[in-house]
Amino acid sequence: MQVTSAPVPDNAVPSPVLILTRPAAAARRFRAELGEHGLRVIESPVLAIRPLAVPRPEGDWAGLILTSENGASAALRMGFPPGTPVWAVGERTARAAQGFAVTAAEGDAESLIALILSQRAPGPLLHIRGEHARGDIAARLAAVGIPTSEVVAYAQDAQPLSPEALSALMGNDPVILPLFSPRSSVIILSQASCAAPLHVAAISPAAAAPFKGVAASLTVATEPGSAAMVVATVAAIRRAEAG
Protein backbone atom coordinates (compact mmCIF):
# COMPACT_ATOMS: atom_id res chain seq x y z
CA MET A 1 0.00 0.00 0.00
CA GLN A 2 1.38 3.39 -0.92
CA VAL A 3 1.68 5.90 1.92
CA THR A 4 1.48 9.59 1.11
CA SER A 5 1.97 12.63 3.30
CA ALA A 6 -0.83 15.09 3.86
CA PRO A 7 -0.31 18.31 1.91
CA VAL A 8 1.07 21.24 3.86
CA PRO A 9 -1.34 24.21 3.85
CA ASP A 10 -0.07 27.30 2.09
CA ASN A 11 -0.50 29.34 5.27
CA ALA A 12 1.30 26.86 7.56
CA VAL A 13 3.84 28.49 9.88
CA PRO A 14 7.30 26.82 9.67
CA SER A 15 8.51 25.14 12.84
CA PRO A 16 10.89 27.43 14.77
CA VAL A 17 14.44 26.44 15.67
CA LEU A 18 16.05 27.26 19.03
CA ILE A 19 19.78 27.97 18.91
CA LEU A 20 21.69 27.93 22.20
CA THR A 21 25.11 29.57 22.02
CA ARG A 22 26.24 29.52 25.65
CA PRO A 23 29.10 27.28 26.79
CA ALA A 24 27.88 23.68 26.80
CA ALA A 25 27.11 23.21 30.50
CA ALA A 26 25.31 26.54 30.78
CA ALA A 27 23.36 25.90 27.55
CA ARG A 28 22.08 22.56 28.81
CA ARG A 29 21.13 24.04 32.15
CA PHE A 30 19.18 26.82 30.44
CA ARG A 31 17.51 24.29 28.14
CA ALA A 32 16.30 22.37 31.20
CA GLU A 33 15.01 25.57 32.81
CA LEU A 34 13.22 26.57 29.61
CA GLY A 35 11.40 23.25 29.30
CA GLU A 36 10.02 21.54 26.24
CA HIS A 37 8.30 23.66 23.62
CA GLY A 38 8.33 21.24 20.71
CA LEU A 39 11.27 22.99 19.05
CA ARG A 40 14.25 21.66 17.21
CA VAL A 41 17.20 22.62 19.39
CA ILE A 42 20.74 23.32 18.17
CA GLU A 43 23.55 23.71 20.71
CA SER A 44 26.43 25.69 19.25
CA PRO A 45 28.59 27.41 21.88
CA VAL A 46 30.28 30.58 20.64
CA LEU A 47 32.39 30.93 23.79
CA ALA A 48 34.61 28.41 25.57
CA ILE A 49 35.88 29.08 29.09
CA ARG A 50 39.61 28.45 29.54
CA PRO A 51 41.05 28.75 33.07
CA LEU A 52 44.32 30.66 33.22
CA ALA A 53 47.23 29.55 35.39
CA VAL A 54 47.56 32.74 37.39
CA PRO A 55 48.88 32.80 40.96
CA ARG A 56 46.93 34.22 43.86
CA PRO A 57 47.71 37.95 43.88
CA GLU A 58 49.80 39.05 46.82
CA GLY A 59 48.07 41.30 49.27
CA ASP A 60 46.05 41.44 52.45
CA TRP A 61 42.65 41.28 50.73
CA ALA A 62 39.63 42.31 52.77
CA GLY A 63 37.30 40.56 50.35
CA LEU A 64 36.66 39.31 46.83
CA ILE A 65 34.34 40.45 44.05
CA LEU A 66 32.99 37.65 41.86
CA THR A 67 30.98 38.31 38.72
CA SER A 68 30.60 34.75 37.42
CA GLU A 69 30.68 31.11 38.43
CA ASN A 70 34.02 30.90 36.63
CA GLY A 71 35.36 33.62 38.91
CA ALA A 72 34.18 31.61 41.91
CA SER A 73 36.00 28.54 40.60
CA ALA A 74 39.14 30.63 40.14
CA ALA A 75 38.93 31.93 43.73
CA LEU A 76 38.85 28.33 44.94
CA ARG A 77 41.82 27.40 42.71
CA MET A 78 43.79 30.29 44.14
CA GLY A 79 43.31 28.95 47.63
CA PHE A 80 41.47 31.80 49.31
CA PRO A 81 40.47 30.49 52.74
CA PRO A 82 36.90 29.56 53.76
CA GLY A 83 35.06 32.47 55.28
CA THR A 84 36.69 35.07 53.04
CA PRO A 85 34.15 37.87 52.48
CA VAL A 86 32.76 37.74 48.94
CA TRP A 87 30.44 40.06 47.06
CA ALA A 88 28.82 38.07 44.24
CA VAL A 89 27.00 39.52 41.25
CA GLY A 90 23.99 37.22 41.70
CA GLU A 91 22.57 34.11 43.30
CA ARG A 92 24.08 31.61 40.86
CA THR A 93 27.57 33.00 41.41
CA ALA A 94 26.90 33.04 45.14
CA ARG A 95 26.01 29.32 45.09
CA ALA A 96 29.26 28.57 43.24
CA ALA A 97 31.19 30.37 45.99
CA GLN A 98 30.15 28.03 48.79
CA GLY A 99 32.48 28.13 51.76
CA PHE A 100 33.07 31.86 51.48
CA ALA A 101 31.09 34.50 53.39
CA VAL A 102 28.94 35.57 50.45
CA THR A 103 26.61 38.50 49.93
CA ALA A 104 24.75 38.45 46.60
CA ALA A 105 23.65 41.38 44.46
CA GLU A 106 20.78 41.39 41.97
CA GLY A 107 22.56 40.08 38.89
CA ASP A 108 24.41 42.99 37.29
CA ALA A 109 27.39 45.26 37.82
CA GLU A 110 25.29 48.24 38.87
CA SER A 111 23.54 46.41 41.68
CA LEU A 112 26.86 44.86 42.75
CA ILE A 113 28.59 48.23 43.03
CA ALA A 114 25.60 49.66 44.89
CA LEU A 115 25.67 46.74 47.33
CA ILE A 116 29.38 47.14 48.08
CA LEU A 117 28.95 50.88 48.61
CA SER A 118 25.88 50.43 50.83
CA GLN A 119 27.81 48.04 53.07
CA ARG A 120 30.81 50.38 53.18
CA ALA A 121 33.02 47.45 52.35
CA PRO A 122 36.59 47.93 53.54
CA GLY A 123 39.41 47.61 51.07
CA PRO A 124 41.43 46.38 49.52
CA LEU A 125 39.11 44.24 47.42
CA LEU A 126 40.04 41.92 44.56
CA HIS A 127 37.81 41.42 41.51
CA ILE A 128 38.44 37.99 39.96
CA ARG A 129 37.20 38.19 36.37
CA GLY A 130 37.54 36.97 32.80
CA GLU A 131 39.43 38.58 29.94
CA HIS A 132 36.22 40.21 28.72
CA ALA A 133 34.25 42.05 31.38
CA ARG A 134 31.86 44.97 31.51
CA GLY A 135 31.08 47.54 34.17
CA ASP A 136 34.60 48.75 35.12
CA ILE A 137 33.90 47.57 38.65
CA ALA A 138 37.40 47.87 40.10
CA ALA A 139 38.03 51.33 38.65
CA ARG A 140 34.66 52.66 39.73
CA LEU A 141 35.05 51.44 43.31
CA ALA A 142 38.59 52.79 43.51
CA ALA A 143 37.34 56.15 42.26
CA VAL A 144 34.99 56.47 45.24
CA GLY A 145 37.54 55.48 47.84
CA ILE A 146 37.39 51.67 48.05
CA PRO A 147 40.81 50.32 47.00
CA THR A 148 40.07 47.59 44.44
CA SER A 149 42.33 45.60 42.16
CA GLU A 150 41.51 42.95 39.57
CA VAL A 151 42.99 39.75 38.24
CA VAL A 152 42.12 38.03 34.96
CA ALA A 153 41.69 34.37 35.85
CA TYR A 154 40.02 32.87 32.79
CA ALA A 155 39.67 33.42 29.06
CA GLN A 156 36.45 33.39 27.06
CA ASP A 157 37.61 32.08 23.69
CA ALA A 158 35.42 32.69 20.64
CA GLN A 159 34.19 29.55 18.90
CA PRO A 160 32.83 29.01 15.36
CA LEU A 161 29.15 28.39 14.92
CA SER A 162 28.39 24.81 13.96
CA PRO A 163 27.39 24.07 10.35
CA GLU A 164 23.89 23.22 11.62
CA ALA A 165 23.57 26.57 13.41
CA LEU A 166 24.87 28.48 10.38
CA SER A 167 22.41 26.69 8.12
CA ALA A 168 19.51 27.57 10.42
CA LEU A 169 20.53 31.23 10.74
CA MET A 170 20.81 31.56 6.97
CA GLY A 171 17.70 29.50 6.21
CA ASN A 172 13.99 30.18 5.97
CA ASP A 173 12.55 28.80 9.20
CA PRO A 174 12.12 31.10 12.21
CA VAL A 175 15.00 31.05 14.71
CA ILE A 176 14.79 31.78 18.43
CA LEU A 177 18.11 33.07 19.70
CA PRO A 178 18.71 33.71 23.42
CA LEU A 179 21.70 35.99 23.95
CA PHE A 180 23.50 36.21 27.29
CA SER A 181 26.22 38.75 26.52
CA PRO A 182 27.06 41.55 24.09
CA ARG A 183 30.17 39.66 23.04
CA SER A 184 28.13 36.61 22.02
CA SER A 185 25.98 38.88 19.85
CA VAL A 186 29.01 40.31 18.08
CA ILE A 187 30.57 36.87 17.53
CA ILE A 188 27.38 35.49 15.98
CA LEU A 189 26.94 38.44 13.63
CA SER A 190 30.57 38.21 12.56
CA GLN A 191 29.93 34.68 11.29
CA ALA A 192 26.37 34.57 9.97
CA SER A 193 24.25 36.78 7.73
CA CYS A 194 21.11 35.85 9.71
CA ALA A 195 18.70 35.69 6.79
CA ALA A 196 16.19 33.62 8.78
CA PRO A 197 13.28 35.32 10.58
CA LEU A 198 15.09 35.89 13.86
CA HIS A 199 13.46 36.30 17.27
CA VAL A 200 16.02 37.39 19.85
CA ALA A 201 15.74 37.18 23.63
CA ALA A 202 18.53 39.26 25.16
CA ILE A 203 19.72 39.48 28.75
CA SER A 204 20.37 43.22 28.45
CA PRO A 205 19.91 46.15 26.07
CA ALA A 206 23.66 45.92 25.32
CA ALA A 207 23.27 42.28 24.22
CA ALA A 208 20.25 43.20 22.08
CA ALA A 209 21.80 46.28 20.43
CA PRO A 210 23.83 44.51 17.68
CA PHE A 211 20.64 42.84 16.43
CA LYS A 212 18.60 46.02 16.00
CA GLY A 213 17.55 46.10 12.37
CA VAL A 214 18.54 42.45 11.97
CA ALA A 215 16.03 40.57 14.13
CA ALA A 216 12.32 40.27 13.35
CA SER A 217 11.69 40.80 17.07
CA LEU A 218 13.78 41.73 20.09
CA THR A 219 12.76 40.86 23.65
CA VAL A 220 14.95 42.16 26.47
CA ALA A 221 14.79 40.41 29.84
CA THR A 222 13.34 42.53 32.64
CA GLU A 223 16.38 41.79 34.80
CA PRO A 224 19.74 40.06 34.32
CA GLY A 225 19.17 36.48 35.37
CA SER A 226 18.17 33.04 34.18
CA ALA A 227 14.53 33.24 35.29
CA ALA A 228 13.96 36.49 33.41
CA MET A 229 15.72 35.04 30.36
CA VAL A 230 13.35 32.06 30.40
CA VAL A 231 10.40 34.48 30.33
CA ALA A 232 11.97 36.52 27.51
CA THR A 233 12.75 33.38 25.49
CA VAL A 234 9.21 32.04 25.86
CA ALA A 235 7.96 35.42 24.59
CA ALA A 236 10.31 35.10 21.59
CA ILE A 237 8.99 31.58 20.93
CA ARG A 238 5.41 32.85 20.94
CA ARG A 239 6.30 35.60 18.45
CA ALA A 240 8.02 33.08 16.19
CA GLU A 241 5.04 30.70 16.32
CA ALA A 242 2.66 33.54 15.51
CA GLY A 243 4.62 34.26 12.36
C-alpha atoms as a PDB file:
ATOM      1  CA  MET A   1       0.000   0.000   0.000  1.00  0.00           C
ATOM      2  CA  GLN A   2       1.384   3.388  -0.920  1.00  0.00           C
ATOM      3  CA  VAL A   3       1.676   5.897   1.923  1.00  0.00           C
ATOM      4  CA  THR A   4       1.478   9.585   1.107  1.00  0.00           C
ATOM      5  CA  SER A   5       1.975  12.630   3.301  1.00  0.00           C
ATOM      6  CA  ALA A   6      -0.828  15.087   3.862  1.00  0.00           C
ATOM      7  CA  PRO A   7      -0.313  18.315   1.911  1.00  0.00           C
ATOM      8  CA  VAL A   8       1.071  21.244   3.860  1.00  0.00           C
ATOM      9  CA  PRO A   9      -1.342  24.214   3.852  1.00  0.00           C
ATOM     10  CA  ASP A  10      -0.067  27.301   2.090  1.00  0.00           C
ATOM     11  CA  ASN A  11      -0.503  29.342   5.273  1.00  0.00           C
ATOM     12  CA  ALA A  12       1.300  26.862   7.559  1.00  0.00           C
ATOM     13  CA  VAL A  13       3.842  28.493   9.880  1.00  0.00           C
ATOM     14  CA  PRO A  14       7.299  26.818   9.668  1.00  0.00           C
ATOM     15  CA  SER A  15       8.509  25.137  12.839  1.00  0.00           C
ATOM     16  CA  PRO A  16      10.891  27.428  14.769  1.00  0.00           C
ATOM     17  CA  VAL A  17      14.445  26.437  15.670  1.00  0.00           C
ATOM     18  CA  LEU A  18      16.045  27.264  19.032  1.00  0.00           C
ATOM     19  CA  ILE A  19      19.785  27.968  18.913  1.00  0.00           C
ATOM     20  CA  LEU A  20      21.694  27.927  22.203  1.00  0.00           C
ATOM     21  CA  THR A  21      25.110  29.566  22.022  1.00  0.00           C
ATOM     22  CA  ARG A  22      26.238  29.523  25.649  1.00  0.00           C
ATOM     23  CA  PRO A  23      29.103  27.283  26.791  1.00  0.00           C
ATOM     24  CA  ALA A  24      27.881  23.682  26.799  1.00  0.00           C
ATOM     25  CA  ALA A  25      27.106  23.207  30.498  1.00  0.00           C
ATOM     26  CA  ALA A  26      25.308  26.544  30.778  1.00  0.00           C
ATOM     27  CA  ALA A  27      23.360  25.896  27.555  1.00  0.00           C
ATOM     28  CA  ARG A  28      22.080  22.558  28.805  1.00  0.00           C
ATOM     29  CA  ARG A  29      21.129  24.044  32.153  1.00  0.00           C
ATOM     30  CA  PHE A  30      19.185  26.821  30.442  1.00  0.00           C
ATOM     31  CA  ARG A  31      17.511  24.293  28.136  1.00  0.00           C
ATOM     32  CA  ALA A  32      16.300  22.370  31.196  1.00  0.00           C
ATOM     33  CA  GLU A  33      15.014  25.568  32.815  1.00  0.00           C
ATOM     34  CA  LEU A  34      13.220  26.574  29.612  1.00  0.00           C
ATOM     35  CA  GLY A  35      11.396  23.250  29.303  1.00  0.00           C
ATOM     36  CA  GLU A  36      10.024  21.537  26.238  1.00  0.00           C
ATOM     37  CA  HIS A  37       8.302  23.661  23.623  1.00  0.00           C
ATOM     38  CA  GLY A  38       8.332  21.240  20.711  1.00  0.00           C
ATOM     39  CA  LEU A  39      11.270  22.989  19.054  1.00  0.00           C
ATOM     40  CA  ARG A  40      14.249  21.658  17.208  1.00  0.00           C
ATOM     41  CA  VAL A  41      17.204  22.624  19.389  1.00  0.00           C
ATOM     42  CA  ILE A  42      20.742  23.317  18.174  1.00  0.00           C
ATOM     43  CA  GLU A  43      23.552  23.705  20.706  1.00  0.00           C
ATOM     44  CA  SER A  44      26.431  25.687  19.247  1.00  0.00           C
ATOM     45  CA  PRO A  45      28.594  27.414  21.883  1.00  0.00           C
ATOM     46  CA  VAL A  46      30.282  30.577  20.636  1.00  0.00           C
ATOM     47  CA  LEU A  47      32.387  30.929  23.786  1.00  0.00           C
ATOM     48  CA  ALA A  48      34.608  28.409  25.573  1.00  0.00           C
ATOM     49  CA  ILE A  49      35.881  29.077  29.089  1.00  0.00           C
ATOM     50  CA  ARG A  50      39.614  28.451  29.540  1.00  0.00           C
ATOM     51  CA  PRO A  51      41.047  28.751  33.072  1.00  0.00           C
ATOM     52  CA  LEU A  52      44.325  30.657  33.224  1.00  0.00           C
ATOM     53  CA  ALA A  53      47.234  29.549  35.387  1.00  0.00           C
ATOM     54  CA  VAL A  54      47.564  32.741  37.395  1.00  0.00           C
ATOM     55  CA  PRO A  55      48.885  32.804  40.965  1.00  0.00           C
ATOM     56  CA  ARG A  56      46.934  34.222  43.855  1.00  0.00           C
ATOM     57  CA  PRO A  57      47.711  37.947  43.883  1.00  0.00           C
ATOM     58  CA  GLU A  58      49.804  39.047  46.821  1.00  0.00           C
ATOM     59  CA  GLY A  59      48.068  41.303  49.271  1.00  0.00           C
ATOM     60  CA  ASP A  60      46.048  41.440  52.447  1.00  0.00           C
ATOM     61  CA  TRP A  61      42.651  41.280  50.733  1.00  0.00           C
ATOM     62  CA  ALA A  62      39.628  42.308  52.767  1.00  0.00           C
ATOM     63  CA  GLY A  63      37.297  40.560  50.347  1.00  0.00           C
ATOM     64  CA  LEU A  64      36.658  39.312  46.825  1.00  0.00           C
ATOM     65  CA  ILE A  65      34.337  40.450  44.050  1.00  0.00           C
ATOM     66  CA  LEU A  66      32.991  37.645  41.861  1.00  0.00           C
ATOM     67  CA  THR A  67      30.978  38.310  38.715  1.00  0.00           C
ATOM     68  CA  SER A  68      30.602  34.752  37.423  1.00  0.00           C
ATOM     69  CA  GLU A  69      30.677  31.111  38.431  1.00  0.00           C
ATOM     70  CA  ASN A  70      34.023  30.905  36.629  1.00  0.00           C
ATOM     71  CA  GLY A  71      35.359  33.621  38.908  1.00  0.00           C
ATOM     72  CA  ALA A  72      34.177  31.612  41.915  1.00  0.00           C
ATOM     73  CA  SER A  73      36.001  28.542  40.598  1.00  0.00           C
ATOM     74  CA  ALA A  74      39.141  30.634  40.143  1.00  0.00           C
ATOM     75  CA  ALA A  75      38.929  31.929  43.726  1.00  0.00           C
ATOM     76  CA  LEU A  76      38.854  28.333  44.942  1.00  0.00           C
ATOM     77  CA  ARG A  77      41.821  27.404  42.709  1.00  0.00           C
ATOM     78  CA  MET A  78      43.792  30.295  44.136  1.00  0.00           C
ATOM     79  CA  GLY A  79      43.313  28.954  47.628  1.00  0.00           C
ATOM     80  CA  PHE A  80      41.472  31.802  49.312  1.00  0.00           C
ATOM     81  CA  PRO A  81      40.467  30.490  52.736  1.00  0.00           C
ATOM     82  CA  PRO A  82      36.903  29.562  53.756  1.00  0.00           C
ATOM     83  CA  GLY A  83      35.064  32.473  55.276  1.00  0.00           C
ATOM     84  CA  THR A  84      36.690  35.070  53.042  1.00  0.00           C
ATOM     85  CA  PRO A  85      34.149  37.869  52.478  1.00  0.00           C
ATOM     86  CA  VAL A  86      32.764  37.737  48.940  1.00  0.00           C
ATOM     87  CA  TRP A  87      30.443  40.057  47.062  1.00  0.00           C
ATOM     88  CA  ALA A  88      28.821  38.072  44.245  1.00  0.00           C
ATOM     89  CA  VAL A  89      27.004  39.517  41.249  1.00  0.00           C
ATOM     90  CA  GLY A  90      23.985  37.224  41.700  1.00  0.00           C
ATOM     91  CA  GLU A  91      22.568  34.112  43.303  1.00  0.00           C
ATOM     92  CA  ARG A  92      24.079  31.610  40.862  1.00  0.00           C
ATOM     93  CA  THR A  93      27.571  32.998  41.406  1.00  0.00           C
ATOM     94  CA  ALA A  94      26.902  33.037  45.141  1.00  0.00           C
ATOM     95  CA  ARG A  95      26.010  29.324  45.092  1.00  0.00           C
ATOM     96  CA  ALA A  96      29.256  28.571  43.239  1.00  0.00           C
ATOM     97  CA  ALA A  97      31.192  30.373  45.990  1.00  0.00           C
ATOM     98  CA  GLN A  98      30.148  28.029  48.792  1.00  0.00           C
ATOM     99  CA  GLY A  99      32.480  28.133  51.756  1.00  0.00           C
ATOM    100  CA  PHE A 100      33.069  31.862  51.484  1.00  0.00           C
ATOM    101  CA  ALA A 101      31.092  34.497  53.394  1.00  0.00           C
ATOM    102  CA  VAL A 102      28.938  35.575  50.449  1.00  0.00           C
ATOM    103  CA  THR A 103      26.611  38.496  49.928  1.00  0.00           C
ATOM    104  CA  ALA A 104      24.747  38.445  46.596  1.00  0.00           C
ATOM    105  CA  ALA A 105      23.650  41.385  44.462  1.00  0.00           C
ATOM    106  CA  GLU A 106      20.783  41.391  41.974  1.00  0.00           C
ATOM    107  CA  GLY A 107      22.558  40.081  38.888  1.00  0.00           C
ATOM    108  CA  ASP A 108      24.406  42.989  37.290  1.00  0.00           C
ATOM    109  CA  ALA A 109      27.388  45.259  37.818  1.00  0.00           C
ATOM    110  CA  GLU A 110      25.293  48.243  38.865  1.00  0.00           C
ATOM    111  CA  SER A 111      23.545  46.408  41.684  1.00  0.00           C
ATOM    112  CA  LEU A 112      26.862  44.859  42.751  1.00  0.00           C
ATOM    113  CA  ILE A 113      28.592  48.228  43.029  1.00  0.00           C
ATOM    114  CA  ALA A 114      25.600  49.661  44.893  1.00  0.00           C
ATOM    115  CA  LEU A 115      25.666  46.738  47.333  1.00  0.00           C
ATOM    116  CA  ILE A 116      29.381  47.140  48.078  1.00  0.00           C
ATOM    117  CA  LEU A 117      28.952  50.884  48.607  1.00  0.00           C
ATOM    118  CA  SER A 118      25.885  50.431  50.829  1.00  0.00           C
ATOM    119  CA  GLN A 119      27.811  48.045  53.074  1.00  0.00           C
ATOM    120  CA  ARG A 120      30.815  50.379  53.179  1.00  0.00           C
ATOM    121  CA  ALA A 121      33.021  47.446  52.346  1.00  0.00           C
ATOM    122  CA  PRO A 122      36.595  47.930  53.543  1.00  0.00           C
ATOM    123  CA  GLY A 123      39.407  47.608  51.069  1.00  0.00           C
ATOM    124  CA  PRO A 124      41.430  46.376  49.524  1.00  0.00           C
ATOM    125  CA  LEU A 125      39.107  44.235  47.425  1.00  0.00           C
ATOM    126  CA  LEU A 126      40.040  41.919  44.560  1.00  0.00           C
ATOM    127  CA  HIS A 127      37.814  41.422  41.509  1.00  0.00           C
ATOM    128  CA  ILE A 128      38.444  37.994  39.955  1.00  0.00           C
ATOM    129  CA  ARG A 129      37.198  38.192  36.372  1.00  0.00           C
ATOM    130  CA  GLY A 130      37.538  36.970  32.801  1.00  0.00           C
ATOM    131  CA  GLU A 131      39.434  38.578  29.938  1.00  0.00           C
ATOM    132  CA  HIS A 132      36.219  40.209  28.720  1.00  0.00           C
ATOM    133  CA  ALA A 133      34.253  42.054  31.381  1.00  0.00           C
ATOM    134  CA  ARG A 134      31.860  44.973  31.512  1.00  0.00           C
ATOM    135  CA  GLY A 135      31.084  47.537  34.170  1.00  0.00           C
ATOM    136  CA  ASP A 136      34.603  48.755  35.121  1.00  0.00           C
ATOM    137  CA  ILE A 137      33.899  47.566  38.651  1.00  0.00           C
ATOM    138  CA  ALA A 138      37.403  47.875  40.105  1.00  0.00           C
ATOM    139  CA  ALA A 139      38.032  51.325  38.650  1.00  0.00           C
ATOM    140  CA  ARG A 140      34.655  52.664  39.734  1.00  0.00           C
ATOM    141  CA  LEU A 141      35.052  51.436  43.311  1.00  0.00           C
ATOM    142  CA  ALA A 142      38.594  52.786  43.515  1.00  0.00           C
ATOM    143  CA  ALA A 143      37.344  56.149  42.257  1.00  0.00           C
ATOM    144  CA  VAL A 144      34.993  56.471  45.240  1.00  0.00           C
ATOM    145  CA  GLY A 145      37.542  55.477  47.835  1.00  0.00           C
ATOM    146  CA  ILE A 146      37.391  51.666  48.054  1.00  0.00           C
ATOM    147  CA  PRO A 147      40.810  50.318  46.999  1.00  0.00           C
ATOM    148  CA  THR A 148      40.067  47.591  44.443  1.00  0.00           C
ATOM    149  CA  SER A 149      42.332  45.596  42.162  1.00  0.00           C
ATOM    150  CA  GLU A 150      41.506  42.950  39.573  1.00  0.00           C
ATOM    151  CA  VAL A 151      42.993  39.746  38.238  1.00  0.00           C
ATOM    152  CA  VAL A 152      42.120  38.034  34.956  1.00  0.00           C
ATOM    153  CA  ALA A 153      41.692  34.372  35.851  1.00  0.00           C
ATOM    154  CA  TYR A 154      40.018  32.870  32.789  1.00  0.00           C
ATOM    155  CA  ALA A 155      39.666  33.423  29.061  1.00  0.00           C
ATOM    156  CA  GLN A 156      36.446  33.386  27.057  1.00  0.00           C
ATOM    157  CA  ASP A 157      37.613  32.082  23.692  1.00  0.00           C
ATOM    158  CA  ALA A 158      35.416  32.693  20.644  1.00  0.00           C
ATOM    159  CA  GLN A 159      34.191  29.545  18.902  1.00  0.00           C
ATOM    160  CA  PRO A 160      32.832  29.015  15.364  1.00  0.00           C
ATOM    161  CA  LEU A 161      29.147  28.386  14.919  1.00  0.00           C
ATOM    162  CA  SER A 162      28.392  24.809  13.955  1.00  0.00           C
ATOM    163  CA  PRO A 163      27.388  24.069  10.348  1.00  0.00           C
ATOM    164  CA  GLU A 164      23.893  23.225  11.620  1.00  0.00           C
ATOM    165  CA  ALA A 165      23.567  26.566  13.409  1.00  0.00           C
ATOM    166  CA  LEU A 166      24.874  28.478  10.375  1.00  0.00           C
ATOM    167  CA  SER A 167      22.411  26.691   8.121  1.00  0.00           C
ATOM    168  CA  ALA A 168      19.509  27.569  10.420  1.00  0.00           C
ATOM    169  CA  LEU A 169      20.533  31.230  10.738  1.00  0.00           C
ATOM    170  CA  MET A 170      20.810  31.560   6.968  1.00  0.00           C
ATOM    171  CA  GLY A 171      17.704  29.496   6.215  1.00  0.00           C
ATOM    172  CA  ASN A 172      13.995  30.181   5.968  1.00  0.00           C
ATOM    173  CA  ASP A 173      12.552  28.796   9.204  1.00  0.00           C
ATOM    174  CA  PRO A 174      12.118  31.101  12.210  1.00  0.00           C
ATOM    175  CA  VAL A 175      14.995  31.047  14.707  1.00  0.00           C
ATOM    176  CA  ILE A 176      14.787  31.779  18.431  1.00  0.00           C
ATOM    177  CA  LEU A 177      18.110  33.073  19.695  1.00  0.00           C
ATOM    178  CA  PRO A 178      18.707  33.708  23.423  1.00  0.00           C
ATOM    179  CA  LEU A 179      21.705  35.990  23.953  1.00  0.00           C
ATOM    180  CA  PHE A 180      23.503  36.207  27.287  1.00  0.00           C
ATOM    181  CA  SER A 181      26.223  38.749  26.520  1.00  0.00           C
ATOM    182  CA  PRO A 182      27.055  41.547  24.092  1.00  0.00           C
ATOM    183  CA  ARG A 183      30.171  39.657  23.036  1.00  0.00           C
ATOM    184  CA  SER A 184      28.125  36.614  22.019  1.00  0.00           C
ATOM    185  CA  SER A 185      25.980  38.876  19.850  1.00  0.00           C
ATOM    186  CA  VAL A 186      29.014  40.310  18.082  1.00  0.00           C
ATOM    187  CA  ILE A 187      30.567  36.871  17.533  1.00  0.00           C
ATOM    188  CA  ILE A 188      27.379  35.491  15.985  1.00  0.00           C
ATOM    189  CA  LEU A 189      26.937  38.441  13.633  1.00  0.00           C
ATOM    190  CA  SER A 190      30.574  38.214  12.561  1.00  0.00           C
ATOM    191  CA  GLN A 191      29.932  34.676  11.292  1.00  0.00           C
ATOM    192  CA  ALA A 192      26.370  34.569   9.970  1.00  0.00           C
ATOM    193  CA  SER A 193      24.252  36.784   7.728  1.00  0.00           C
ATOM    194  CA  CYS A 194      21.110  35.848   9.710  1.00  0.00           C
ATOM    195  CA  ALA A 195      18.699  35.689   6.786  1.00  0.00           C
ATOM    196  CA  ALA A 196      16.188  33.622   8.783  1.00  0.00           C
ATOM    197  CA  PRO A 197      13.277  35.317  10.582  1.00  0.00           C
ATOM    198  CA  LEU A 198      15.089  35.894  13.855  1.00  0.00           C
ATOM    199  CA  HIS A 199      13.463  36.300  17.268  1.00  0.00           C
ATOM    200  CA  VAL A 200      16.019  37.388  19.851  1.00  0.00           C
ATOM    201  CA  ALA A 201      15.737  37.179  23.633  1.00  0.00           C
ATOM    202  CA  ALA A 202      18.535  39.264  25.162  1.00  0.00           C
ATOM    203  CA  ILE A 203      19.723  39.483  28.749  1.00  0.00           C
ATOM    204  CA  SER A 204      20.368  43.218  28.447  1.00  0.00           C
ATOM    205  CA  PRO A 205      19.911  46.151  26.074  1.00  0.00           C
ATOM    206  CA  ALA A 206      23.662  45.917  25.318  1.00  0.00           C
ATOM    207  CA  ALA A 207      23.271  42.280  24.218  1.00  0.00           C
ATOM    208  CA  ALA A 208      20.253  43.197  22.082  1.00  0.00           C
ATOM    209  CA  ALA A 209      21.800  46.275  20.434  1.00  0.00           C
ATOM    210  CA  PRO A 210      23.829  44.511  17.682  1.00  0.00           C
ATOM    211  CA  PHE A 211      20.644  42.840  16.434  1.00  0.00           C
ATOM    212  CA  LYS A 212      18.604  46.016  16.003  1.00  0.00           C
ATOM    213  CA  GLY A 213      17.546  46.104  12.374  1.00  0.00           C
ATOM    214  CA  VAL A 214      18.537  42.449  11.973  1.00  0.00           C
ATOM    215  CA  ALA A 215      16.029  40.568  14.128  1.00  0.00           C
ATOM    216  CA  ALA A 216      12.325  40.272  13.345  1.00  0.00           C
ATOM    217  CA  SER A 217      11.694  40.800  17.069  1.00  0.00           C
ATOM    218  CA  LEU A 218      13.778  41.735  20.095  1.00  0.00           C
ATOM    219  CA  THR A 219      12.757  40.862  23.650  1.00  0.00           C
ATOM    220  CA  VAL A 220      14.952  42.156  26.472  1.00  0.00           C
ATOM    221  CA  ALA A 221      14.790  40.413  29.843  1.00  0.00           C
ATOM    222  CA  THR A 222      13.342  42.530  32.636  1.00  0.00           C
ATOM    223  CA  GLU A 223      16.385  41.790  34.796  1.00  0.00           C
ATOM    224  CA  PRO A 224      19.737  40.057  34.320  1.00  0.00           C
ATOM    225  CA  GLY A 225      19.170  36.481  35.373  1.00  0.00           C
ATOM    226  CA  SER A 226      18.175  33.037  34.184  1.00  0.00           C
ATOM    227  CA  ALA A 227      14.530  33.238  35.288  1.00  0.00           C
ATOM    228  CA  ALA A 228      13.960  36.489  33.415  1.00  0.00           C
ATOM    229  CA  MET A 229      15.718  35.040  30.359  1.00  0.00           C
ATOM    230  CA  VAL A 230      13.354  32.058  30.399  1.00  0.00           C
ATOM    231  CA  VAL A 231      10.403  34.478  30.331  1.00  0.00           C
ATOM    232  CA  ALA A 232      11.968  36.517  27.512  1.00  0.00           C
ATOM    233  CA  THR A 233      12.749  33.385  25.495  1.00  0.00           C
ATOM    234  CA  VAL A 234       9.209  32.045  25.859  1.00  0.00           C
ATOM    235  CA  ALA A 235       7.964  35.422  24.590  1.00  0.00           C
ATOM    236  CA  ALA A 236      10.309  35.104  21.588  1.00  0.00           C
ATOM    237  CA  ILE A 237       8.994  31.580  20.934  1.00  0.00           C
ATOM    238  CA  ARG A 238       5.405  32.854  20.941  1.00  0.00           C
ATOM    239  CA  ARG A 239       6.297  35.596  18.446  1.00  0.00           C
ATOM    240  CA  ALA A 240       8.015  33.079  16.188  1.00  0.00           C
ATOM    241  CA  GLU A 241       5.041  30.704  16.321  1.00  0.00           C
ATOM    242  CA  ALA A 242       2.658  33.539  15.508  1.00  0.00           C
ATOM    243  CA  GLY A 243       4.624  34.256  12.357  1.00  0.00           C
END
